[in-house]
Amino acid sequence: MKITLIPLKKRYLEFLRRIRNHPEINKYLYKDVKISKKAQKKWYENYYLNNKTYLMFVLLDDKIPVGYGQINHIDRANSSCEVGFCLSPEVQGKGYGGILVKKIIDYAIKKLNLHRIYLEVFITNKRAIKLYEKCGFEKEGVLKDKIFKHNKFHDVLVMSIIVK
């Protein structure tokens, strides 16, 4: 088992689309939209490749993609960024989550030299919250009714790591 984290490449777009469209994953994403191949390609070419404040990585196990992580809203002036993580449903519960989160945190601290790393997570996503706490994130507060999805509002928890 050789686990690596690599920058997103075009060949992994279908993997990314498949994960984001999976019902077990999509329920925790802010937007409830099925992503088409055409839309995924357009996002990659028009947004991702041209955005200097957004980085995305693919977690590979023996060259097989198992998840992705992102660093966005990179704010050099305030030395902060937002992160997000997603694992393929087939590999959840097998230890990849902790590896992915730690690798993204490590990149944000060591390569980007950032002071504050934060994330937002649905308050109902207890499994993810437990993982984030295990990886060093601390709860900051709740954004009440931040997301309107499935005909109701949802609270979102903000968590962060402050580099001392």
Protein backbone atom coordinates (compact mmCIF):
# COMPACT_ATOMS: atom_id res chain seq x y z
CA MET A 1 0.00 0.00 0.00
CA LYS A 2 1.68 3.20 -1.25
CA ILE A 3 -0.39 6.28 -0.43
CA THR A 4 0.36 9.54 -2.23
CA LEU A 5 -1.27 12.92 -2.60
CA ILE A 6 -1.00 14.51 -6.04
CA PRO A 7 -2.40 17.69 -7.62
CA LEU A 8 -5.65 17.17 -9.52
CA LYS A 9 -5.08 16.17 -13.12
CA LYS A 10 -7.57 15.94 -15.96
CA ARG A 11 -7.50 12.13 -15.92
CA TYR A 12 -9.11 12.15 -12.43
CA LEU A 13 -12.11 14.31 -13.36
CA GLU A 14 -14.44 11.33 -13.79
CA PHE A 15 -13.40 9.99 -10.36
CA LEU A 16 -14.11 13.41 -8.86
CA ARG A 17 -17.49 13.64 -10.60
CA ARG A 18 -18.48 10.12 -9.51
CA ILE A 19 -17.74 10.88 -5.85
CA ARG A 20 -19.51 14.26 -5.85
CA ASN A 21 -22.60 12.73 -7.48
CA HIS A 22 -22.80 9.79 -5.04
CA PRO A 23 -25.89 10.22 -2.79
CA GLU A 24 -23.96 9.46 0.42
CA ILE A 25 -21.43 12.18 -0.41
CA ASN A 26 -23.73 14.70 -2.05
CA LYS A 27 -25.94 14.96 1.02
CA TYR A 28 -23.04 16.68 2.82
CA LEU A 29 -22.12 19.04 -0.03
CA TYR A 30 -23.58 22.54 -0.11
CA LYS A 31 -24.99 22.22 -3.61
CA ASP A 32 -27.42 19.49 -4.54
CA VAL A 33 -26.65 19.31 -8.25
CA LYS A 34 -25.83 16.31 -10.42
CA ILE A 35 -22.61 17.15 -12.23
CA SER A 36 -22.44 16.21 -15.90
CA LYS A 37 -19.21 15.28 -17.69
CA LYS A 38 -19.49 18.48 -19.70
CA ALA A 39 -19.96 20.64 -16.58
CA GLN A 40 -17.03 18.91 -14.82
CA LYS A 41 -14.74 19.57 -17.80
CA LYS A 42 -15.90 23.19 -18.03
CA TRP A 43 -15.26 23.70 -14.28
CA TYR A 44 -11.76 22.25 -14.63
CA GLU A 45 -10.79 24.29 -17.67
CA ASN A 46 -12.48 27.60 -16.86
CA TYR A 47 -12.28 27.74 -13.08
CA TYR A 48 -9.80 25.32 -11.55
CA LEU A 49 -6.89 25.89 -13.94
CA ASN A 50 -7.24 29.68 -13.65
CA ASN A 51 -7.78 30.08 -9.90
CA LYS A 52 -4.71 30.82 -7.77
CA THR A 53 -6.62 30.58 -4.47
CA TYR A 54 -7.92 27.05 -5.06
CA LEU A 55 -5.89 23.84 -4.96
CA MET A 56 -7.23 20.33 -5.29
CA PHE A 57 -5.43 17.05 -4.65
CA VAL A 58 -6.23 13.40 -5.27
CA LEU A 59 -5.32 10.75 -2.69
CA LEU A 60 -3.98 7.62 -4.38
CA ASP A 61 -3.46 4.15 -2.95
CA ASP A 62 -1.13 2.25 -5.28
CA LYS A 63 -2.10 4.70 -8.05
CA ILE A 64 -5.83 4.11 -7.50
CA PRO A 65 -7.80 7.24 -6.51
CA VAL A 66 -9.58 6.89 -3.16
CA GLY A 67 -10.41 10.49 -2.26
CA TYR A 68 -9.70 14.15 -2.75
CA GLY A 69 -8.87 17.17 -0.66
CA GLN A 70 -9.01 20.84 -1.44
CA ILE A 71 -7.44 24.02 -0.16
CA ASN A 72 -9.41 27.10 -1.13
CA HIS A 73 -9.96 30.71 -0.17
CA ILE A 74 -6.19 30.96 0.23
CA ASP A 75 -5.69 34.34 1.87
CA ARG A 76 -1.99 35.25 1.96
CA ALA A 77 -2.60 38.60 3.68
CA ASN A 78 -4.28 36.89 6.65
CA SER A 79 -2.34 33.63 6.36
CA SER A 80 -5.43 31.42 6.22
CA CYS A 81 -7.30 28.97 4.04
CA GLU A 82 -10.35 26.77 3.98
CA VAL A 83 -10.03 23.01 3.45
CA GLY A 84 -12.39 20.27 2.42
CA PHE A 85 -12.15 16.50 2.10
CA CYS A 86 -14.03 13.71 0.43
CA LEU A 87 -13.47 9.95 0.31
CA SER A 88 -14.94 7.44 -2.06
CA PRO A 89 -17.76 5.66 -0.15
CA GLU A 90 -16.15 2.27 -0.81
CA VAL A 91 -13.06 3.15 1.24
CA GLN A 92 -14.64 5.01 4.15
CA GLY A 93 -13.83 3.54 7.56
CA LYS A 94 -10.48 2.13 6.38
CA GLY A 95 -8.16 4.87 7.68
CA TYR A 96 -7.88 6.94 4.51
CA GLY A 97 -9.75 9.89 6.01
CA GLY A 98 -7.13 10.60 8.65
CA ILE A 99 -4.34 10.22 6.11
CA LEU A 100 -6.02 12.62 3.68
CA VAL A 101 -6.78 15.26 6.31
CA LYS A 102 -3.24 15.14 7.73
CA LYS A 103 -1.64 15.40 4.28
CA ILE A 104 -3.75 18.44 3.36
CA ILE A 105 -3.01 20.12 6.71
CA ASP A 106 0.69 19.38 6.25
CA TYR A 107 0.65 20.95 2.78
CA ALA A 108 -1.14 24.07 4.03
CA ILE A 109 1.34 24.52 6.88
CA LYS A 110 4.64 23.46 5.30
CA LYS A 111 4.21 24.43 1.64
CA LEU A 112 1.87 27.41 1.93
CA ASN A 113 3.13 28.56 5.35
CA LEU A 114 -0.37 29.37 6.59
CA HIS A 115 -1.34 30.20 10.17
CA ARG A 116 -5.06 29.34 10.24
CA ILE A 117 -6.70 26.38 8.50
CA TYR A 118 -10.47 26.16 8.78
CA LEU A 119 -13.35 24.10 7.48
CA GLU A 120 -17.12 24.04 7.54
CA VAL A 121 -19.10 20.86 8.12
CA PHE A 122 -22.79 20.13 8.49
CA ILE A 123 -23.55 19.86 12.22
CA THR A 124 -25.21 16.48 11.49
CA ASN A 125 -22.04 14.98 9.99
CA LYS A 126 -20.87 13.49 13.30
CA ARG A 127 -18.44 11.04 11.70
CA ALA A 128 -16.54 13.82 9.92
CA ILE A 129 -16.53 16.05 13.01
CA LYS A 130 -15.00 13.23 15.06
CA LEU A 131 -12.30 12.72 12.42
CA TYR A 132 -11.50 16.42 12.24
CA GLU A 133 -11.16 16.65 16.04
CA LYS A 134 -8.87 13.61 15.99
CA CYS A 135 -6.71 15.41 13.41
CA GLY A 136 -6.39 18.56 15.55
CA PHE A 137 -9.29 20.77 14.47
CA GLU A 138 -11.13 22.62 17.22
CA LYS A 139 -14.73 23.83 17.15
CA GLU A 140 -15.08 27.58 16.69
CA GLY A 141 -18.81 28.05 16.39
CA VAL A 142 -22.01 27.32 14.54
CA LEU A 143 -23.33 29.21 11.52
CA LYS A 144 -27.08 28.95 12.03
CA ASP A 145 -29.21 28.14 9.00
CA LYS A 146 -26.28 28.68 6.62
CA ILE A 147 -27.34 26.19 3.95
CA PHE A 148 -30.78 25.69 2.43
CA LYS A 149 -30.96 22.15 1.07
CA HIS A 150 -33.80 19.62 0.71
CA ASN A 151 -36.36 22.27 1.57
CA LYS A 152 -34.91 23.18 4.93
CA PHE A 153 -32.10 25.17 6.51
CA HIS A 154 -29.03 23.46 7.99
CA ASP A 155 -26.53 24.58 10.62
CA VAL A 156 -22.84 24.42 9.79
CA LEU A 157 -20.00 23.99 12.28
CA VAL A 158 -16.79 25.97 11.75
CA MET A 159 -13.61 24.22 12.92
CA SER A 160 -10.00 25.34 12.70
CA ILE A 161 -6.38 24.63 13.40
CA ILE A 162 -4.22 27.56 14.48
CA VAL A 163 -0.50 27.07 13.92
CA LYS A 164 1.42 28.28 16.96
